């Protein structure tokens, strides 16, 4: 189809970029194993949430050895490292909702606790998280700072009604200054 050809053209052009992000979003039946594998092979960064990880492993016929809500103490970490090896990924980021996120690199695991917010609407918060992470990584921020910023952006969007609330550095700075963080 024309859409598939367009995507393939964009992917071939994107290979010249520093970051090629695959943000897994399993929705109904709008994906196949073939499409997911091709997307992962074309990427060097994978972002997914804690419930998508077991689903991805199942789709790829990879044994997970953990529950649907992974705690990343052993089997989960091994599964992520296995995905990194199979698809030659440089980074894998797993969001954990209010518990924050974990960024896996080749050789490191970086954890960032979540921000405590009153949730108004979670729609768009994952996309906002990804945008914040990519923006900071492209700007050369350390992984820890990029992950924390992504958590802040995702938390802000979740605290607002609608998927695309107004957002700029001033709003985000004021918002972040008021938020408690878990110890």
Protein backbone atom coordinates (compact mmCIF):
# COMPACT_ATOMS: atom_id res chain seq x y z
CA UNK A 1 0.00 0.00 0.00
CA UNK A 2 1.00 3.63 -0.38
CA UNK A 3 1.09 4.14 3.41
CA UNK A 4 3.49 1.24 3.88
CA UNK A 5 5.75 2.52 1.08
CA UNK A 6 5.74 5.99 2.65
CA UNK A 7 6.69 4.56 6.04
CA UNK A 8 9.52 2.52 4.50
CA UNK A 9 10.84 5.64 2.74
CA UNK A 10 10.74 7.63 5.98
CA UNK A 11 12.51 4.83 7.84
CA UNK A 12 15.29 4.66 5.27
CA UNK A 13 15.80 8.43 5.55
CA UNK A 14 15.63 8.30 9.35
CA UNK A 15 18.56 5.90 9.56
CA UNK A 16 20.81 8.94 9.18
CA UNK A 17 19.38 10.46 12.36
CA UNK A 18 20.86 10.20 15.86
CA UNK A 19 17.70 8.83 17.44
CA UNK A 20 15.10 6.64 15.82
CA UNK A 21 12.42 5.96 18.40
CA UNK A 22 9.87 3.18 18.33
CA UNK A 23 7.11 4.03 20.80
CA UNK A 24 5.09 0.83 21.09
CA UNK A 25 1.35 1.42 21.27
CA UNK A 26 -0.59 -1.82 21.01
CA UNK A 27 -4.08 -0.79 19.97
CA UNK A 28 -6.73 -3.32 18.97
CA UNK A 29 -5.62 -5.15 15.83
CA UNK A 30 -3.70 -2.33 14.15
CA UNK A 31 -0.35 -4.12 14.29
CA UNK A 32 1.27 -7.37 13.25
CA UNK A 33 4.40 -9.13 14.35
CA UNK A 34 5.97 -8.27 10.98
CA UNK A 35 5.29 -4.55 11.41
CA UNK A 36 6.51 -4.51 15.02
CA UNK A 37 9.73 -6.38 14.16
CA UNK A 38 10.42 -4.08 11.19
CA UNK A 39 9.83 -1.04 13.40
CA UNK A 40 12.20 -2.35 16.07
CA UNK A 41 14.90 -3.18 13.51
CA UNK A 42 14.65 0.35 12.11
CA UNK A 43 14.97 1.94 15.56
CA UNK A 44 17.75 2.46 18.04
CA UNK A 45 15.47 3.52 20.92
CA UNK A 46 12.42 1.64 22.20
CA UNK A 47 9.88 3.23 24.54
CA UNK A 48 7.04 1.21 26.02
CA UNK A 49 5.06 0.97 29.21
CA UNK A 50 5.10 -1.77 31.81
CA UNK A 51 2.07 -3.59 30.38
CA UNK A 52 3.31 -3.38 26.81
CA UNK A 53 6.58 -5.15 27.67
CA UNK A 54 4.98 -8.57 28.39
CA UNK A 55 2.69 -8.11 25.36
CA UNK A 56 5.69 -7.37 23.13
CA UNK A 57 7.59 -10.37 24.42
CA UNK A 58 4.55 -12.57 23.79
CA UNK A 59 4.14 -11.24 20.26
CA UNK A 60 7.80 -11.98 19.55
CA UNK A 61 7.59 -15.47 21.12
CA UNK A 62 10.07 -14.46 23.81
CA UNK A 63 9.54 -15.94 27.25
CA UNK A 64 9.16 -13.24 29.86
CA UNK A 65 9.27 -15.12 33.14
CA UNK A 66 7.46 -12.32 34.96
CA UNK A 67 4.00 -11.04 35.75
CA UNK A 68 2.04 -8.47 33.78
CA UNK A 69 3.29 -5.74 36.15
CA UNK A 70 7.06 -6.22 36.08
CA UNK A 71 9.19 -4.96 38.96
CA UNK A 72 12.48 -5.04 37.01
CA UNK A 73 14.38 -6.96 39.61
CA UNK A 74 15.67 -9.83 37.46
CA UNK A 75 13.68 -11.53 34.71
CA UNK A 76 12.37 -8.21 33.42
CA UNK A 77 15.85 -6.73 33.14
CA UNK A 78 17.05 -9.85 31.32
CA UNK A 79 14.13 -9.61 28.88
CA UNK A 80 14.93 -5.96 28.12
CA UNK A 81 18.61 -6.79 27.56
CA UNK A 82 17.56 -9.64 25.28
CA UNK A 83 15.43 -7.24 23.20
CA UNK A 84 18.36 -4.81 23.03
CA UNK A 85 20.55 -7.57 21.63
CA UNK A 86 18.03 -8.98 19.16
CA UNK A 87 17.16 -5.60 17.65
CA UNK A 88 20.46 -3.74 18.25
CA UNK A 89 18.76 -1.11 20.42
CA UNK A 90 20.87 1.48 22.22
CA UNK A 91 18.19 2.50 24.72
CA UNK A 92 15.02 0.92 26.05
CA UNK A 93 12.77 3.06 28.23
CA UNK A 94 9.95 1.49 30.22
CA UNK A 95 7.43 3.82 31.82
CA UNK A 96 5.88 2.75 35.11
CA UNK A 97 3.06 5.28 35.48
CA UNK A 98 3.13 7.05 38.83
CA UNK A 99 6.22 5.02 39.79
CA UNK A 100 8.36 6.77 37.17
CA UNK A 101 10.46 5.12 34.49
CA UNK A 102 13.53 3.02 33.85
CA UNK A 103 16.00 3.70 31.06
CA UNK A 104 18.18 0.79 30.01
CA UNK A 105 21.39 1.54 28.15
CA UNK A 106 24.13 -0.81 27.11
CA UNK A 107 25.63 -1.42 30.52
CA UNK A 108 23.45 0.79 32.75
CA UNK A 109 20.00 0.92 34.25
CA UNK A 110 18.76 4.38 35.23
CA UNK A 111 15.67 4.77 37.39
CA UNK A 112 13.72 7.96 37.87
CA UNK A 113 10.87 8.09 40.41
CA UNK A 114 7.54 9.48 39.31
CA UNK A 115 6.04 12.81 40.25
CA UNK A 116 3.00 12.66 42.53
CA UNK A 117 0.13 14.39 40.74
CA UNK A 118 -3.64 14.40 40.84
CA UNK A 119 -4.44 12.67 37.55
CA UNK A 120 -7.01 14.45 35.38
CA UNK A 121 -6.50 12.55 32.11
CA UNK A 122 -3.76 10.10 31.14
CA UNK A 123 -4.39 10.43 27.39
CA UNK A 124 -1.30 11.96 25.81
CA UNK A 125 0.95 11.58 28.86
CA UNK A 126 2.97 8.74 27.30
CA UNK A 127 3.47 10.71 24.11
CA UNK A 128 4.46 13.78 26.13
CA UNK A 129 6.93 11.63 28.09
CA UNK A 130 8.49 10.40 24.85
CA UNK A 131 8.69 13.92 23.43
CA UNK A 132 10.42 15.19 26.58
CA UNK A 133 12.89 12.30 26.57
CA UNK A 134 13.77 12.73 22.90
CA UNK A 135 14.07 16.51 23.18
CA UNK A 136 16.54 16.26 26.06
CA UNK A 137 18.55 13.41 24.50
CA UNK A 138 18.89 15.33 21.22
CA UNK A 139 20.03 18.38 23.21
CA UNK A 140 22.81 16.26 24.71
CA UNK A 141 21.43 16.03 28.25
CA UNK A 142 22.71 13.20 30.45
CA UNK A 143 20.42 10.18 30.52
CA UNK A 144 19.40 10.86 34.13
CA UNK A 145 18.34 14.44 33.36
CA UNK A 146 16.51 13.42 30.19
CA UNK A 147 14.58 10.71 32.04
CA UNK A 148 13.63 13.04 34.89
CA UNK A 149 12.47 15.72 32.45
CA UNK A 150 10.40 13.16 30.54
CA UNK A 151 8.75 12.10 33.82
CA UNK A 152 7.96 15.74 34.59
CA UNK A 153 6.40 16.38 31.17
CA UNK A 154 4.35 13.17 31.31
CA UNK A 155 3.15 13.98 34.84
CA UNK A 156 2.16 17.50 33.81
CA UNK A 157 0.09 16.26 30.87
CA UNK A 158 -1.58 13.61 33.08
CA UNK A 159 -2.52 16.32 35.59
CA UNK A 160 -4.34 18.37 32.96
CA UNK A 161 -7.62 17.68 31.13
CA UNK A 162 -7.16 16.70 27.49
CA UNK A 163 -4.23 15.19 25.64
CA UNK A 164 -2.49 18.42 24.60
CA UNK A 165 -2.59 21.05 27.35
CA UNK A 166 -0.66 24.30 26.89
CA UNK A 167 2.95 23.72 27.83
CA UNK A 168 6.11 25.80 27.86
CA UNK A 169 9.25 25.98 29.97
CA UNK A 170 7.77 28.51 32.40
CA UNK A 171 4.63 26.44 33.05
CA UNK A 172 6.68 23.28 33.43
CA UNK A 173 9.15 24.95 35.80
CA UNK A 174 6.39 26.23 38.08
CA UNK A 175 4.64 22.86 37.97
CA UNK A 176 7.80 20.90 38.81
CA UNK A 177 8.76 23.19 41.68
CA UNK A 178 5.47 22.41 43.44
CA UNK A 179 5.60 18.62 43.16
CA UNK A 180 6.71 16.19 45.85
CA UNK A 181 8.92 13.28 44.77
CA UNK A 182 9.03 9.88 46.39
CA UNK A 183 12.17 9.16 48.41
